[in-house]
């Protein structure tokens, strides 16, 4: 089943009344349960494409079908409703509120949902999400008292709190060291294989992209190639095997 389908997407901005084309006829499909890397250099159009995929922006022309809904013609409120129910976001800079505990950061998205949920239910869901990330002993820690890897796992827990079917991760390891990056990428693999979440990794790094099952290359606003990721290197193969560990993330990792 195609969860995401883009049909001939164009996006043009205007600077001083001059048109600046960013996306030039992008068509692609992502099936439910895929782990895909969207790979491109700075200025390739991948961030603009991610904003459209995340219902944060709409294309100038073309169609965007998300889980059977044509999102490009929706109003701002309709896209916000679809985004809040279907999509979770993970960013390079974590975007955690600094003087707010891990638990409070994770609970916050539930304040904007139309789902009827009590404070105690929201707290319990946040505890479960943080426990899944191996942070059961860090619930009351503010971001400044957490390592980079722990902060990113709080951000992932926050992205999962609304139980989205899609996770968009924009350069999610950009601020992490190589060991922590590997552990976070293994976590994405587990969320994909064990929880069935469709994940799109947005990256410029071939090493990050190899953790996906399929790589889509974008350059100068067009898709210029795609195919199965090459997971033949020893390190990557080991990473793929590690995806099938027990569900909860060891609190000793990704420090």
C-alpha atoms as a PDB file:
ATOM      1  CA  UNK A   1       0.000   0.000   0.000  1.00  0.00           C
ATOM      2  CA  UNK A   2       1.340   3.440  -0.937  1.00  0.00           C
ATOM      3  CA  UNK A   3       1.159   5.584   2.190  1.00  0.00           C
ATOM      4  CA  UNK A   4       2.738   8.582   0.440  1.00  0.00           C
ATOM      5  CA  UNK A   5       2.493   9.528  -3.215  1.00  0.00           C
ATOM      6  CA  UNK A   6       3.790  12.697  -4.852  1.00  0.00           C
ATOM      7  CA  UNK A   7       2.695  13.401  -8.405  1.00  0.00           C
ATOM      8  CA  UNK A   8       4.640  15.964 -10.446  1.00  0.00           C
ATOM      9  CA  UNK A   9       5.320  18.318  -7.527  1.00  0.00           C
ATOM     10  CA  UNK A  10       6.629  21.815  -8.280  1.00  0.00           C
ATOM     11  CA  UNK A  11       7.524  24.448  -5.696  1.00  0.00           C
ATOM     12  CA  UNK A  12       8.493  27.970  -6.683  1.00  0.00           C
ATOM     13  CA  UNK A  13       9.276  30.815  -4.314  1.00  0.00           C
ATOM     14  CA  UNK A  14       9.391  34.470  -5.287  1.00  0.00           C
ATOM     15  CA  UNK A  15      12.234  36.765  -4.250  1.00  0.00           C
ATOM     16  CA  UNK A  16      11.752  40.425  -5.207  1.00  0.00           C
ATOM     17  CA  UNK A  17       9.039  39.234  -7.585  1.00  0.00           C
ATOM     18  CA  UNK A  18      11.504  36.934  -9.344  1.00  0.00           C
ATOM     19  CA  UNK A  19      10.540  33.242  -9.465  1.00  0.00           C
ATOM     20  CA  UNK A  20      12.967  30.851  -7.774  1.00  0.00           C
ATOM     21  CA  UNK A  21      12.110  27.231  -8.651  1.00  0.00           C
ATOM     22  CA  UNK A  22      13.096  24.773  -5.916  1.00  0.00           C
ATOM     23  CA  UNK A  23      11.233  21.576  -6.833  1.00  0.00           C
ATOM     24  CA  UNK A  24      10.793  20.790 -10.514  1.00  0.00           C
ATOM     25  CA  UNK A  25       8.427  17.907 -11.107  1.00  0.00           C
ATOM     26  CA  UNK A  26       9.065  15.518  -8.212  1.00  0.00           C
ATOM     27  CA  UNK A  27       7.178  12.222  -8.308  1.00  0.00           C
ATOM     28  CA  UNK A  28       7.758   9.447  -5.776  1.00  0.00           C
ATOM     29  CA  UNK A  29       5.942   6.916  -3.643  1.00  0.00           C
ATOM     30  CA  UNK A  30       6.656   5.524  -0.171  1.00  0.00           C
ATOM     31  CA  UNK A  31       4.928   2.344   0.932  1.00  0.00           C
ATOM     32  CA  UNK A  32       3.568   1.794   4.413  1.00  0.00           C
ATOM     33  CA  UNK A  33       6.293   0.392   6.655  1.00  0.00           C
ATOM     34  CA  UNK A  34       9.260   1.535   4.554  1.00  0.00           C
ATOM     35  CA  UNK A  35      12.471   3.027   5.917  1.00  0.00           C
ATOM     36  CA  UNK A  36      13.611   5.487   3.247  1.00  0.00           C
ATOM     37  CA  UNK A  37      16.499   7.942   3.057  1.00  0.00           C
ATOM     38  CA  UNK A  38      15.949  11.171   1.139  1.00  0.00           C
ATOM     39  CA  UNK A  39      19.473  12.170   0.243  1.00  0.00           C
ATOM     40  CA  UNK A  40      20.797  15.364  -1.306  1.00  0.00           C
ATOM     41  CA  UNK A  41      23.355  18.103  -0.895  1.00  0.00           C
ATOM     42  CA  UNK A  42      22.598  21.503   0.600  1.00  0.00           C
ATOM     43  CA  UNK A  43      20.358  23.402  -1.802  1.00  0.00           C
ATOM     44  CA  UNK A  44      19.101  20.269  -3.529  1.00  0.00           C
ATOM     45  CA  UNK A  45      15.508  20.854  -2.437  1.00  0.00           C
ATOM     46  CA  UNK A  46      15.328  18.092   0.162  1.00  0.00           C
ATOM     47  CA  UNK A  47      14.276  20.406   3.018  1.00  0.00           C
ATOM     48  CA  UNK A  48      11.528  21.946   0.889  1.00  0.00           C
ATOM     49  CA  UNK A  49      10.381  18.469  -0.046  1.00  0.00           C
ATOM     50  CA  UNK A  50      10.376  17.438   3.612  1.00  0.00           C
ATOM     51  CA  UNK A  51       8.211  20.450   4.493  1.00  0.00           C
ATOM     52  CA  UNK A  52       5.683  19.378   1.870  1.00  0.00           C
ATOM     53  CA  UNK A  53       5.775  15.759   3.050  1.00  0.00           C
ATOM     54  CA  UNK A  54       5.216  16.988   6.602  1.00  0.00           C
ATOM     55  CA  UNK A  55       2.235  19.173   5.590  1.00  0.00           C
ATOM     56  CA  UNK A  56       4.174  22.240   6.754  1.00  0.00           C
ATOM     57  CA  UNK A  57       3.996  23.728   3.258  1.00  0.00           C
ATOM     58  CA  UNK A  58       2.039  23.106   0.082  1.00  0.00           C
ATOM     59  CA  UNK A  59       3.360  22.719  -3.466  1.00  0.00           C
ATOM     60  CA  UNK A  60       2.891  25.337  -6.151  1.00  0.00           C
ATOM     61  CA  UNK A  61       1.434  22.604  -8.349  1.00  0.00           C
ATOM     62  CA  UNK A  62       1.086  18.838  -8.386  1.00  0.00           C
ATOM     63  CA  UNK A  63      -0.619  16.400  -6.028  1.00  0.00           C
ATOM     64  CA  UNK A  64       0.399  15.056  -2.638  1.00  0.00           C
ATOM     65  CA  UNK A  65      -1.549  12.024  -1.464  1.00  0.00           C
ATOM     66  CA  UNK A  66      -1.064  11.048   2.168  1.00  0.00           C
ATOM     67  CA  UNK A  67      -2.849   7.936   3.401  1.00  0.00           C
ATOM     68  CA  UNK A  68      -5.638   8.447   0.862  1.00  0.00           C
ATOM     69  CA  UNK A  69      -5.992  12.211   1.442  1.00  0.00           C
ATOM     70  CA  UNK A  70      -5.015  14.807  -1.169  1.00  0.00           C
ATOM     71  CA  UNK A  71      -3.103  17.136   1.159  1.00  0.00           C
ATOM     72  CA  UNK A  72      -1.986  19.789  -1.331  1.00  0.00           C
ATOM     73  CA  UNK A  73      -5.514  21.163  -1.704  1.00  0.00           C
ATOM     74  CA  UNK A  74      -6.320  21.195   1.992  1.00  0.00           C
ATOM     75  CA  UNK A  75      -6.702  24.325   4.069  1.00  0.00           C
ATOM     76  CA  UNK A  76      -4.098  25.247   6.674  1.00  0.00           C
ATOM     77  CA  UNK A  77      -6.303  23.858   9.468  1.00  0.00           C
ATOM     78  CA  UNK A  78      -6.987  20.632   7.576  1.00  0.00           C
ATOM     79  CA  UNK A  79      -3.271  20.077   6.962  1.00  0.00           C
ATOM     80  CA  UNK A  80      -2.538  20.786  10.630  1.00  0.00           C
ATOM     81  CA  UNK A  81      -5.112  18.171  11.663  1.00  0.00           C
ATOM     82  CA  UNK A  82      -3.612  15.601   9.272  1.00  0.00           C
ATOM     83  CA  UNK A  83      -0.076  16.453  10.414  1.00  0.00           C
ATOM     84  CA  UNK A  84      -0.930  16.155  14.116  1.00  0.00           C
ATOM     85  CA  UNK A  85      -2.497  12.732  13.634  1.00  0.00           C
ATOM     86  CA  UNK A  86      -0.195  11.152  11.073  1.00  0.00           C
ATOM     87  CA  UNK A  87       3.304  12.633  11.332  1.00  0.00           C
ATOM     88  CA  UNK A  88       6.054  12.913  13.919  1.00  0.00           C
ATOM     89  CA  UNK A  89       9.124  15.122  13.438  1.00  0.00           C
ATOM     90  CA  UNK A  90      12.710  14.713  14.648  1.00  0.00           C
ATOM     91  CA  UNK A  91      15.212  17.500  13.949  1.00  0.00           C
ATOM     92  CA  UNK A  92      18.965  17.946  14.151  1.00  0.00           C
ATOM     93  CA  UNK A  93      18.777  20.537  16.934  1.00  0.00           C
ATOM     94  CA  UNK A  94      16.391  18.543  19.214  1.00  0.00           C
ATOM     95  CA  UNK A  95      14.173  21.649  19.776  1.00  0.00           C
ATOM     96  CA  UNK A  96      13.507  20.858  23.427  1.00  0.00           C
ATOM     97  CA  UNK A  97      12.272  23.538  25.800  1.00  0.00           C
ATOM     98  CA  UNK A  98      15.287  24.290  28.026  1.00  0.00           C
ATOM     99  CA  UNK A  99      13.671  24.769  31.451  1.00  0.00           C
ATOM    100  CA  UNK A 100      11.194  21.945  31.027  1.00  0.00           C
ATOM    101  CA  UNK A 101      11.687  18.339  32.096  1.00  0.00           C
ATOM    102  CA  UNK A 102      11.962  15.454  29.664  1.00  0.00           C
ATOM    103  CA  UNK A 103       8.496  14.301  30.703  1.00  0.00           C
ATOM    104  CA  UNK A 104       6.968  17.754  30.171  1.00  0.00           C
ATOM    105  CA  UNK A 105       8.671  18.097  26.774  1.00  0.00           C
ATOM    106  CA  UNK A 106       7.196  14.789  25.656  1.00  0.00           C
ATOM    107  CA  UNK A 107       3.684  15.492  26.979  1.00  0.00           C
ATOM    108  CA  UNK A 108       3.466  18.891  25.267  1.00  0.00           C
ATOM    109  CA  UNK A 109       2.233  17.781  21.779  1.00  0.00           C
ATOM    110  CA  UNK A 110      -0.846  16.241  23.389  1.00  0.00           C
ATOM    111  CA  UNK A 111      -1.937  19.765  24.333  1.00  0.00           C
ATOM    112  CA  UNK A 112      -2.529  20.488  20.642  1.00  0.00           C
ATOM    113  CA  UNK A 113      -4.322  17.312  19.646  1.00  0.00           C
ATOM    114  CA  UNK A 114      -8.068  16.902  19.256  1.00  0.00           C
ATOM    115  CA  UNK A 115      -7.818  13.553  20.999  1.00  0.00           C
ATOM    116  CA  UNK A 116      -9.651  13.574  24.310  1.00  0.00           C
ATOM    117  CA  UNK A 117      -7.110  12.481  26.879  1.00  0.00           C
ATOM    118  CA  UNK A 118      -6.813  13.265  30.580  1.00  0.00           C
ATOM    119  CA  UNK A 119      -3.684  14.686  32.201  1.00  0.00           C
ATOM    120  CA  UNK A 120      -2.996  11.355  33.907  1.00  0.00           C
ATOM    121  CA  UNK A 121      -3.398   9.477  30.616  1.00  0.00           C
ATOM    122  CA  UNK A 122      -1.092  11.945  28.859  1.00  0.00           C
ATOM    123  CA  UNK A 123       1.526  11.552  31.567  1.00  0.00           C
ATOM    124  CA  UNK A 124       1.291   7.762  31.416  1.00  0.00           C
ATOM    125  CA  UNK A 125       1.706   7.780  27.639  1.00  0.00           C
ATOM    126  CA  UNK A 126       4.759  10.051  27.969  1.00  0.00           C
ATOM    127  CA  UNK A 127       6.282   7.760  30.604  1.00  0.00           C
ATOM    128  CA  UNK A 128       5.772   4.783  28.281  1.00  0.00           C
ATOM    129  CA  UNK A 129       7.323   6.644  25.349  1.00  0.00           C
ATOM    130  CA  UNK A 130      10.381   7.694  27.372  1.00  0.00           C
ATOM    131  CA  UNK A 131      10.720   4.196  28.811  1.00  0.00           C
ATOM    132  CA  UNK A 132      10.774   2.817  25.279  1.00  0.00           C
ATOM    133  CA  UNK A 133      13.694   5.174  24.643  1.00  0.00           C
ATOM    134  CA  UNK A 134      15.526   3.880  27.730  1.00  0.00           C
ATOM    135  CA  UNK A 135      14.962   7.073  29.720  1.00  0.00           C
ATOM    136  CA  UNK A 136      12.744   5.874  32.549  1.00  0.00           C
ATOM    137  CA  UNK A 137      15.309   7.220  35.028  1.00  0.00           C
ATOM    138  CA  UNK A 138      15.516  10.649  33.324  1.00  0.00           C
ATOM    139  CA  UNK A 139      11.876  11.761  33.424  1.00  0.00           C
ATOM    140  CA  UNK A 140      12.517  14.797  35.633  1.00  0.00           C
ATOM    141  CA  UNK A 141      15.783  15.894  33.996  1.00  0.00           C
ATOM    142  CA  UNK A 142      15.930  19.162  32.071  1.00  0.00           C
ATOM    143  CA  UNK A 143      17.745  19.117  28.691  1.00  0.00           C
ATOM    144  CA  UNK A 144      20.888  20.779  30.095  1.00  0.00           C
ATOM    145  CA  UNK A 145      21.381  17.763  32.374  1.00  0.00           C
ATOM    146  CA  UNK A 146      21.104  15.280  29.496  1.00  0.00           C
ATOM    147  CA  UNK A 147      23.707  14.242  26.948  1.00  0.00           C
ATOM    148  CA  UNK A 148      23.177  14.917  23.250  1.00  0.00           C
ATOM    149  CA  UNK A 149      22.092  11.344  22.639  1.00  0.00           C
ATOM    150  CA  UNK A 150      19.634  11.468  25.526  1.00  0.00           C
ATOM    151  CA  UNK A 151      18.209  14.770  24.280  1.00  0.00           C
ATOM    152  CA  UNK A 152      17.664  13.268  20.846  1.00  0.00           C
ATOM    153  CA  UNK A 153      15.899  10.289  22.386  1.00  0.00           C
ATOM    154  CA  UNK A 154      13.621  12.682  24.295  1.00  0.00           C
ATOM    155  CA  UNK A 155      12.898  14.369  20.948  1.00  0.00           C
ATOM    156  CA  UNK A 156      12.076  10.985  19.396  1.00  0.00           C
ATOM    157  CA  UNK A 157       9.803  10.121  22.343  1.00  0.00           C
ATOM    158  CA  UNK A 158       8.043  13.461  21.832  1.00  0.00           C
ATOM    159  CA  UNK A 159       7.612  12.713  18.119  1.00  0.00           C
ATOM    160  CA  UNK A 160       6.024   9.349  18.965  1.00  0.00           C
ATOM    161  CA  UNK A 161       3.652  10.572  21.688  1.00  0.00           C
ATOM    162  CA  UNK A 162       0.762  11.117  19.255  1.00  0.00           C
ATOM    163  CA  UNK A 163       1.281   7.628  17.790  1.00  0.00           C
ATOM    164  CA  UNK A 164       2.046   8.777  14.244  1.00  0.00           C
ATOM    165  CA  UNK A 165       2.262   6.384  11.322  1.00  0.00           C
ATOM    166  CA  UNK A 166       5.081   8.429   9.729  1.00  0.00           C
ATOM    167  CA  UNK A 167       8.302   9.749  11.249  1.00  0.00           C
ATOM    168  CA  UNK A 168      10.236  12.461   9.388  1.00  0.00           C
ATOM    169  CA  UNK A 169      13.813  12.776  10.653  1.00  0.00           C
ATOM    170  CA  UNK A 170      15.747  15.777   9.311  1.00  0.00           C
ATOM    171  CA  UNK A 171      19.532  15.248   9.770  1.00  0.00           C
ATOM    172  CA  UNK A 172      18.734  13.576  13.120  1.00  0.00           C
ATOM    173  CA  UNK A 173      22.357  12.723  13.959  1.00  0.00           C
ATOM    174  CA  UNK A 174      23.932  15.989  12.836  1.00  0.00           C
ATOM    175  CA  UNK A 175      24.804  17.081  16.389  1.00  0.00           C
ATOM    176  CA  UNK A 176      25.876  13.655  17.674  1.00  0.00           C
ATOM    177  CA  UNK A 177      29.198  11.838  17.805  1.00  0.00           C
ATOM    178  CA  UNK A 178      29.674   8.777  15.602  1.00  0.00           C
ATOM    179  CA  UNK A 179      28.950   6.172  18.315  1.00  0.00           C
ATOM    180  CA  UNK A 180      25.793   7.908  19.486  1.00  0.00           C
ATOM    181  CA  UNK A 181      24.719   8.462  15.883  1.00  0.00           C
ATOM    182  CA  UNK A 182      24.977   4.724  15.232  1.00  0.00           C
ATOM    183  CA  UNK A 183      22.863   3.951  18.292  1.00  0.00           C
ATOM    184  CA  UNK A 184      20.167   6.465  17.312  1.00  0.00           C
ATOM    185  CA  UNK A 185      20.062   5.036  13.785  1.00  0.00           C
ATOM    186  CA  UNK A 186      19.685   1.529  15.204  1.00  0.00           C
ATOM    187  CA  UNK A 187      16.783   2.886  17.248  1.00  0.00           C
ATOM    188  CA  UNK A 188      15.107   4.164  14.071  1.00  0.00           C
ATOM    189  CA  UNK A 189      15.587   0.707  12.595  1.00  0.00           C
ATOM    190  CA  UNK A 190      13.859  -0.875  15.578  1.00  0.00           C
ATOM    191  CA  UNK A 191      10.965   1.575  15.424  1.00  0.00           C
ATOM    192  CA  UNK A 192      10.545   0.639  11.773  1.00  0.00           C
ATOM    193  CA  UNK A 193      10.808  -3.132  12.111  1.00  0.00           C
ATOM    194  CA  UNK A 194       9.145  -3.621  15.497  1.00  0.00           C
ATOM    195  CA  UNK A 195       6.622  -0.781  15.661  1.00  0.00           C
ATOM    196  CA  UNK A 196       5.868  -0.640  11.916  1.00  0.00           C
ATOM    197  CA  UNK A 197       6.457   3.111  11.667  1.00  0.00           C
ATOM    198  CA  UNK A 198       7.189   4.466   8.197  1.00  0.00           C
ATOM    199  CA  UNK A 199      10.400   6.507   8.477  1.00  0.00           C
ATOM    200  CA  UNK A 200      11.944   9.023   6.087  1.00  0.00           C
ATOM    201  CA  UNK A 201      15.513  10.050   6.949  1.00  0.00           C
ATOM    202  CA  UNK A 202      16.526  13.350   5.357  1.00  0.00           C
ATOM    203  CA  UNK A 203      20.311  13.529   5.050  1.00  0.00           C
ATOM    204  CA  UNK A 204      23.309  14.579   2.981  1.00  0.00           C
ATOM    205  CA  UNK A 205      25.482  11.799   4.432  1.00  0.00           C
ATOM    206  CA  UNK A 206      25.816   8.490   2.505  1.00  0.00           C
ATOM    207  CA  UNK A 207      26.786   6.739   5.753  1.00  0.00           C
ATOM    208  CA  UNK A 208      23.479   7.731   7.324  1.00  0.00           C
ATOM    209  CA  UNK A 209      21.507   6.879   4.189  1.00  0.00           C
ATOM    210  CA  UNK A 210      22.877   3.313   4.197  1.00  0.00           C
ATOM    211  CA  UNK A 211      20.804   2.565   7.286  1.00  0.00           C
ATOM    212  CA  UNK A 212      17.653   2.869   5.180  1.00  0.00           C
ATOM    213  CA  UNK A 213      16.188   0.147   3.013  1.00  0.00           C
ATOM    214  CA  UNK A 214      15.843   2.468   0.023  1.00  0.00           C
ATOM    215  CA  UNK A 215      17.655   5.662  -0.927  1.00  0.00           C
ATOM    216  CA  UNK A 216      16.049   8.438  -2.968  1.00  0.00           C
ATOM    217  CA  UNK A 217      18.499  10.975  -4.415  1.00  0.00           C
ATOM    218  CA  UNK A 218      17.404  14.545  -5.051  1.00  0.00           C
ATOM    219  CA  UNK A 219      19.495  17.109  -6.927  1.00  0.00           C
ATOM    220  CA  UNK A 220      18.564  20.560  -8.231  1.00  0.00           C
ATOM    221  CA  UNK A 221      14.921  19.993  -7.365  1.00  0.00           C
ATOM    222  CA  UNK A 222      14.439  16.702  -9.194  1.00  0.00           C
ATOM    223  CA  UNK A 223      14.690  13.024  -8.255  1.00  0.00           C
ATOM    224  CA  UNK A 224      17.807  11.883 -10.086  1.00  0.00           C
ATOM    225  CA  UNK A 225      17.940   8.293  -8.861  1.00  0.00           C
ATOM    226  CA  UNK A 226      16.715   5.803  -6.298  1.00  0.00           C
ATOM    227  CA  UNK A 227      17.307   2.222  -5.326  1.00  0.00           C
ATOM    228  CA  UNK A 228      17.933  -0.240  -2.528  1.00  0.00           C
ATOM    229  CA  UNK A 229      20.550   0.818   0.011  1.00  0.00           C
ATOM    230  CA  UNK A 230      23.907  -0.976  -0.131  1.00  0.00           C
ATOM    231  CA  UNK A 231      24.128  -2.677   3.262  1.00  0.00           C
ATOM    232  CA  UNK A 232      27.026  -4.923   2.331  1.00  0.00           C
ATOM    233  CA  UNK A 233      29.749  -3.297   4.426  1.00  0.00           C
ATOM    234  CA  UNK A 234      30.591  -5.098   7.728  1.00  0.00           C
ATOM    235  CA  UNK A 235      29.662  -2.181   9.950  1.00  0.00           C
ATOM    236  CA  UNK A 236      26.329  -1.605   8.267  1.00  0.00           C
ATOM    237  CA  UNK A 237      25.454  -5.302   8.268  1.00  0.00           C
ATOM    238  CA  UNK A 238      26.145  -5.439  11.981  1.00  0.00           C
ATOM    239  CA  UNK A 239      23.907  -2.417  12.454  1.00  0.00           C
ATOM    240  CA  UNK A 240      21.115  -4.182  10.603  1.00  0.00           C
ATOM    241  CA  UNK A 241      21.463  -7.252  12.852  1.00  0.00           C
ATOM    242  CA  UNK A 242      21.366  -5.105  15.953  1.00  0.00           C
ATOM    243  CA  UNK A 243      17.956  -3.767  14.928  1.00  0.00           C
ATOM    244  CA  UNK A 244      16.368  -6.988  16.177  1.00  0.00           C
ATOM    245  CA  UNK A 245      17.326  -6.601  19.820  1.00  0.00           C
ATOM    246  CA  UNK A 246      14.673  -6.500  22.585  1.00  0.00           C
ATOM    247  CA  UNK A 247      12.253  -3.655  22.168  1.00  0.00           C
ATOM    248  CA  UNK A 248      13.328  -1.294  24.955  1.00  0.00           C
ATOM    249  CA  UNK A 249      16.443   0.760  24.370  1.00  0.00           C
ATOM    250  CA  UNK A 250      19.189   0.137  26.929  1.00  0.00           C
ATOM    251  CA  UNK A 251      19.597   3.214  29.092  1.00  0.00           C
ATOM    252  CA  UNK A 252      23.341   2.711  28.967  1.00  0.00           C
ATOM    253  CA  UNK A 253      23.489   3.466  25.240  1.00  0.00           C
ATOM    254  CA  UNK A 254      23.370   6.749  23.306  1.00  0.00           C
ATOM    255  CA  UNK A 255      24.647   8.735  26.226  1.00  0.00           C
END
